[in-house]
C-alpha atoms as a PDB file:
ATOM      1  CA  MET A   1      40.599 -12.766  40.156  1.00  0.00           C
ATOM      2  CA  LYS A   2      40.227 -10.393  37.209  1.00  0.00           C
ATOM      3  CA  ILE A   3      38.663 -11.840  34.072  1.00  0.00           C
ATOM      4  CA  LEU A   4      39.245  -8.844  31.772  1.00  0.00           C
ATOM      5  CA  SER A   5      41.871  -6.148  32.033  1.00  0.00           C
ATOM      6  CA  LYS A   6      40.760  -2.474  31.815  1.00  0.00           C
ATOM      7  CA  PRO A   7      41.884  -2.035  28.168  1.00  0.00           C
ATOM      8  CA  MET A   8      40.132  -5.293  27.231  1.00  0.00           C
ATOM      9  CA  LYS A   9      36.902  -4.139  28.961  1.00  0.00           C
ATOM     10  CA  TRP A  10      36.917  -0.892  26.950  1.00  0.00           C
ATOM     11  CA  ASN A  11      37.530  -2.787  23.706  1.00  0.00           C
ATOM     12  CA  VAL A  12      34.590  -5.124  24.390  1.00  0.00           C
ATOM     13  CA  LEU A  13      32.367  -2.192  25.416  1.00  0.00           C
ATOM     14  CA  GLY A  14      33.404  -0.221  22.310  1.00  0.00           C
ATOM     15  CA  LEU A  15      32.648  -3.154  20.023  1.00  0.00           C
ATOM     16  CA  ALA A  16      29.233  -3.641  21.663  1.00  0.00           C
ATOM     17  CA  ILE A  17      28.359   0.045  21.173  1.00  0.00           C
ATOM     18  CA  LEU A  18      29.569  -0.054  17.562  1.00  0.00           C
ATOM     19  CA  ALA A  19      27.492  -3.187  16.875  1.00  0.00           C
ATOM     20  CA  CYS A  20      24.371  -1.476  18.282  1.00  0.00           C
ATOM     21  CA  LEU A  21      24.937   1.615  16.132  1.00  0.00           C
ATOM     22  CA  VAL A  22      25.463  -0.439  12.981  1.00  0.00           C
ATOM     23  CA  ALA A  23      22.373  -2.589  13.689  1.00  0.00           C
ATOM     24  CA  GLY A  24      20.245   0.488  14.374  1.00  0.00           C
ATOM     25  CA  GLY A  25      21.392   2.168  11.169  1.00  0.00           C
ATOM     26  CA  ALA A  26      20.776  -0.971   9.132  1.00  0.00           C
ATOM     27  CA  ASN A  27      17.231  -1.313  10.422  1.00  0.00           C
ATOM     28  CA  SER A  28      16.307   2.281   9.641  1.00  0.00           C
ATOM     29  CA  SER A  29      17.747   2.140   6.120  1.00  0.00           C
ATOM     30  CA  TYR A  30      15.629  -0.903   5.252  1.00  0.00           C
ATOM     31  CA  GLY A  31      12.424   0.466   6.774  1.00  0.00           C
ATOM     32  CA  ILE A  32       9.561   1.701   4.617  1.00  0.00           C
ATOM     33  CA  PRO A  33       8.702   5.355   5.204  1.00  0.00           C
ATOM     34  CA  PRO A  34       5.320   5.605   6.960  1.00  0.00           C
ATOM     35  CA  ASN A  35       3.650   7.605   4.164  1.00  0.00           C
ATOM     36  CA  GLN A  36       4.279   4.713   1.731  1.00  0.00           C
ATOM     37  CA  VAL A  37       2.029   2.349   3.710  1.00  0.00           C
ATOM     38  CA  PHE A  38      -1.619   2.748   4.718  1.00  0.00           C
ATOM     39  CA  VAL A  39      -3.214   0.169   7.020  1.00  0.00           C
ATOM     40  CA  GLN A  40      -6.957   0.217   7.730  1.00  0.00           C
ATOM     41  CA  THR A  41      -7.778  -1.793  10.845  1.00  0.00           C
ATOM     42  CA  SER A  42     -11.493  -1.086  11.204  1.00  0.00           C
ATOM     43  CA  PRO A  43     -14.226  -2.355   8.882  1.00  0.00           C
ATOM     44  CA  GLN A  44     -15.412  -0.061   6.096  1.00  0.00           C
ATOM     45  CA  THR A  45     -18.496  -0.107   3.880  1.00  0.00           C
ATOM     46  CA  PHE A  46     -18.664   1.579   0.476  1.00  0.00           C
ATOM     47  CA  THR A  47     -21.799   1.972  -1.632  1.00  0.00           C
ATOM     48  CA  GLY A  48     -21.932   3.298  -5.166  1.00  0.00           C
ATOM     49  CA  GLY A  49     -21.253   2.738  -8.813  1.00  0.00           C
ATOM     50  CA  CYS A  50     -17.843   3.007 -10.367  1.00  0.00           C
ATOM     51  CA  CYS A  51     -15.844   4.988  -9.625  1.00  0.00           C
ATOM     52  CA  PHE A  52     -15.210   7.079  -6.496  1.00  0.00           C
ATOM     53  CA  SER A  53     -12.389   7.585  -3.982  1.00  0.00           C
ATOM     54  CA  TRP A  54     -12.150   5.170  -1.074  1.00  0.00           C
ATOM     55  CA  GLY A  55      -9.929   7.644   0.789  1.00  0.00           C
ATOM     56  CA  GLU A  56      -6.904   5.385   1.294  1.00  0.00           C
ATOM     57  CA  THR A  57      -3.784   7.195   0.084  1.00  0.00           C
ATOM     58  CA  VAL A  58      -0.055   6.511  -0.018  1.00  0.00           C
ATOM     59  CA  LYS A  59       2.734   8.790  -1.258  1.00  0.00           C
ATOM     60  CA  ILE A  60       6.033   8.259  -3.059  1.00  0.00           C
ATOM     61  CA  THR A  61       8.790  10.783  -3.636  1.00  0.00           C
ATOM     62  CA  GLU A  62      10.145  10.265  -7.133  1.00  0.00           C
ATOM     63  CA  PRO A  63      13.710  11.179  -8.150  1.00  0.00           C
ATOM     64  CA  ALA A  64      14.458  13.724 -10.908  1.00  0.00           C
ATOM     65  CA  THR A  65      13.685  11.081 -13.531  1.00  0.00           C
ATOM     66  CA  PRO A  66      10.472   9.293 -12.475  1.00  0.00           C
ATOM     67  CA  MET A  67      10.610   5.516 -12.220  1.00  0.00           C
ATOM     68  CA  PRO A  68       7.798   2.907 -12.278  1.00  0.00           C
ATOM     69  CA  VAL A  69       5.900   2.509  -9.015  1.00  0.00           C
ATOM     70  CA  ILE A  70       4.478  -0.764  -7.723  1.00  0.00           C
ATOM     71  CA  VAL A  71       1.293  -0.313  -5.697  1.00  0.00           C
ATOM     72  CA  SER A  72      -0.060  -3.279  -3.711  1.00  0.00           C
ATOM     73  CA  TRP A  73      -3.388  -3.630  -1.927  1.00  0.00           C
ATOM     74  CA  SER A  74      -4.822  -6.557   0.002  1.00  0.00           C
ATOM     75  CA  THR A  75      -8.111  -6.924   1.837  1.00  0.00           C
ATOM     76  CA  ASP A  76     -10.738  -9.197   3.284  1.00  0.00           C
ATOM     77  CA  TYR A  77     -14.099  -8.375   1.716  1.00  0.00           C
ATOM     78  CA  SER A  78     -17.716  -9.318   1.254  1.00  0.00           C
ATOM     79  CA  ALA A  79     -19.855  -8.001  -1.600  1.00  0.00           C
ATOM     80  CA  GLY A  80     -23.119  -9.067  -3.189  1.00  0.00           C
ATOM     81  CA  LEU A  81     -21.968  -8.236  -6.721  1.00  0.00           C
ATOM     82  CA  GLY A  82     -18.652  -7.462  -8.374  1.00  0.00           C
ATOM     83  CA  PHE A  83     -16.684  -4.303  -7.616  1.00  0.00           C
ATOM     84  CA  PHE A  84     -14.025  -2.510  -9.628  1.00  0.00           C
ATOM     85  CA  VAL A  85     -10.897  -1.356  -7.779  1.00  0.00           C
ATOM     86  CA  GLY A  86      -8.343   1.075  -9.204  1.00  0.00           C
ATOM     87  CA  LEU A  87      -6.072   4.004  -8.419  1.00  0.00           C
ATOM     88  CA  MET A  88      -6.330   7.765  -8.635  1.00  0.00           C
ATOM     89  CA  ILE A  89      -2.852   9.113  -9.338  1.00  0.00           C
ATOM     90  CA  ASN A  90      -2.086  12.650  -8.192  1.00  0.00           C
ATOM     91  CA  GLY A  91      -5.791  13.461  -7.858  1.00  0.00           C
ATOM     92  CA  GLY A  92      -6.689  12.271 -11.363  1.00  0.00           C
ATOM     93  CA  PRO A  93      -9.589  10.013 -12.357  1.00  0.00           C
ATOM     94  CA  CYS A  94      -9.912   6.401 -11.254  1.00  0.00           C
ATOM     95  CA  GLN A  95      -7.750   4.291 -13.579  1.00  0.00           C
ATOM     96  CA  PHE A  96      -6.965   0.596 -13.889  1.00  0.00           C
ATOM     97  CA  TYR A  97      -3.308  -0.443 -14.136  1.00  0.00           C
ATOM     98  CA  GLY A  98      -3.719  -4.205 -14.018  1.00  0.00           C
ATOM     99  CA  PRO A  99      -6.086  -6.463 -12.055  1.00  0.00           C
ATOM    100  CA  HIS A 100      -9.161  -4.517 -11.048  1.00  0.00           C
ATOM    101  CA  ALA A 101     -12.046  -6.711  -9.930  1.00  0.00           C
ATOM    102  CA  LEU A 102     -13.360  -8.073  -6.647  1.00  0.00           C
ATOM    103  CA  VAL A 103     -15.974 -10.729  -7.331  1.00  0.00           C
ATOM    104  CA  LEU A 104     -17.576 -12.780  -4.590  1.00  0.00           C
ATOM    105  CA  THR A 105     -17.327 -16.495  -5.324  1.00  0.00           C
ATOM    106  CA  ALA A 106     -17.901 -17.788  -1.775  1.00  0.00           C
ATOM    107  CA  THR A 107     -21.315 -19.183  -0.909  1.00  0.00           C
ATOM    108  CA  GLY A 108     -23.238 -19.650   2.305  1.00  0.00           C
ATOM    109  CA  PRO A 109     -24.705 -17.321   4.923  1.00  0.00           C
ATOM    110  CA  GLU A 110     -23.453 -13.702   4.958  1.00  0.00           C
ATOM    111  CA  PRO A 111     -20.773 -14.042   7.701  1.00  0.00           C
ATOM    112  CA  LEU A 112     -19.182 -16.936   5.830  1.00  0.00           C
ATOM    113  CA  ARG A 113     -18.970 -15.156   2.473  1.00  0.00           C
ATOM    114  CA  VAL A 114     -15.789 -13.243   3.282  1.00  0.00           C
ATOM    115  CA  GLN A 115     -12.902 -13.624   0.875  1.00  0.00           C
ATOM    116  CA  SER A 116      -9.360 -12.290   0.702  1.00  0.00           C
ATOM    117  CA  ARG A 117      -7.754 -10.710  -2.324  1.00  0.00           C
ATOM    118  CA  SER A 118      -4.478  -9.010  -3.160  1.00  0.00           C
ATOM    119  CA  LEU A 119      -4.014  -6.732  -6.148  1.00  0.00           C
ATOM    120  CA  GLU A 120      -0.763  -5.292  -7.452  1.00  0.00           C
ATOM    121  CA  TRP A 121      -0.471  -2.538 -10.026  1.00  0.00           C
ATOM    122  CA  VAL A 122       2.543  -1.214 -11.919  1.00  0.00           C
ATOM    123  CA  VAL A 123       2.269   2.491 -12.716  1.00  0.00           C
ATOM    124  CA  MET A 124       4.652   3.677 -15.415  1.00  0.00           C
ATOM    125  CA  PRO A 125       5.985   7.267 -15.625  1.00  0.00           C
ATOM    126  CA  GLY A 126       3.946   7.979 -18.782  1.00  0.00           C
ATOM    127  CA  ASP A 127       0.621   6.615 -17.464  1.00  0.00           C
ATOM    128  CA  GLY A 128      -2.292   9.010 -17.075  1.00  0.00           C
ATOM    129  CA  SER A 129      -2.686  12.500 -18.438  1.00  0.00           C
ATOM    130  CA  PRO A 130       0.244  14.958 -18.368  1.00  0.00           C
ATOM    131  CA  ALA A 131      -1.374  16.681 -15.368  1.00  0.00           C
ATOM    132  CA  THR A 132      -1.624  13.481 -13.308  1.00  0.00           C
ATOM    133  CA  ALA A 133       1.330  11.399 -14.572  1.00  0.00           C
ATOM    134  CA  LEU A 134       4.220  10.483 -12.290  1.00  0.00           C
ATOM    135  CA  HIS A 135       6.592  13.398 -11.829  1.00  0.00           C
ATOM    136  CA  SER A 136       9.688  14.367  -9.893  1.00  0.00           C
ATOM    137  CA  GLY A 137       8.794  14.938  -6.223  1.00  0.00           C
ATOM    138  CA  THR A 138       5.746  13.748  -4.295  1.00  0.00           C
ATOM    139  CA  ASN A 139       3.165  11.567  -6.066  1.00  0.00           C
ATOM    140  CA  THR A 140      -0.061  10.274  -4.469  1.00  0.00           C
ATOM    141  CA  PHE A 141      -1.927   7.015  -5.068  1.00  0.00           C
ATOM    142  CA  THR A 142      -5.516   6.831  -3.782  1.00  0.00           C
ATOM    143  CA  LEU A 143      -7.625   3.685  -3.847  1.00  0.00           C
ATOM    144  CA  CYS A 144     -10.875   4.049  -5.800  1.00  0.00           C
ATOM    145  CA  GLY A 145     -13.604   1.885  -7.219  1.00  0.00           C
ATOM    146  CA  GLY A 146     -17.282   1.123  -7.232  1.00  0.00           C
ATOM    147  CA  GLY A 147     -19.990  -1.303  -8.197  1.00  0.00           C
ATOM    148  CA  MET A 148     -19.857  -3.041 -11.578  1.00  0.00           C
ATOM    149  CA  VAL A 149     -23.623  -3.122 -12.069  1.00  0.00           C
ATOM    150  CA  ASN A 150     -25.339  -0.188 -10.349  1.00  0.00           C
ATOM    151  CA  ALA A 151     -24.995   2.719  -7.910  1.00  0.00           C
ATOM    152  CA  THR A 152     -26.598   0.853  -5.009  1.00  0.00           C
ATOM    153  CA  GLN A 153     -23.996  -1.894  -4.738  1.00  0.00           C
ATOM    154  CA  THR A 154     -22.234  -2.284  -1.388  1.00  0.00           C
ATOM    155  CA  ILE A 155     -18.877  -3.765  -0.463  1.00  0.00           C
ATOM    156  CA  ASN A 156     -17.669  -4.440   3.081  1.00  0.00           C
ATOM    157  CA  LEU A 157     -13.914  -4.331   3.644  1.00  0.00           C
ATOM    158  CA  GLY A 158     -12.179  -5.790   6.652  1.00  0.00           C
ATOM    159  CA  LEU A 159      -8.532  -5.262   7.524  1.00  0.00           C
ATOM    160  CA  ASN A 160      -6.747  -3.962   4.427  1.00  0.00           C
ATOM    161  CA  ASN A 161      -3.479  -2.359   3.506  1.00  0.00           C
ATOM    162  CA  LEU A 162      -2.151  -0.253   0.654  1.00  0.00           C
ATOM    163  CA  ALA A 163       1.570   0.139  -0.039  1.00  0.00           C
ATOM    164  CA  ALA A 164       3.715   1.724  -2.749  1.00  0.00           C
ATOM    165  CA  ARG A 165       7.373   1.406  -3.659  1.00  0.00           C
ATOM    166  CA  ILE A 166       9.555   2.657  -6.466  1.00  0.00           C
ATOM    167  CA  SER A 167      10.708  -0.094  -8.798  1.00  0.00           C
ATOM    168  CA  LYS A 168      14.486  -0.174  -9.249  1.00  0.00           C
END
């Protein structure tokens, strides 16, 4: 006994293929390009006063008329004293575009003094100097920071991620 006729089988097969193509296209259009996200999975230690590059960089390609960019960073950390955290835009100096401090408020023995923090910055097209401001084409955002008190301060970062997206 036949369940589906030949034309019906081809229609079902065609619809299944079409559904897979549409689903695949939808997933890729909603994905974030890999250069817009940086994920650090191994622990890092930074020592020094404010401010120096922490080497974590993401890139955004701006349209002809630059738009604001939202940069987000989250981490687990442990530090004896407070640390400033900011962004270097297009290789410029470390700047602060919103929240910019990591202060340890946890108490107890060293392994238990780990905290989590998320920071989000909004970078406007006119921010920074003309040489480092957002411009049409590729723009880079590099995490930077350093100790609030002296050049011997140390911060330990666990898993952390940095991401950027154009605000629409």
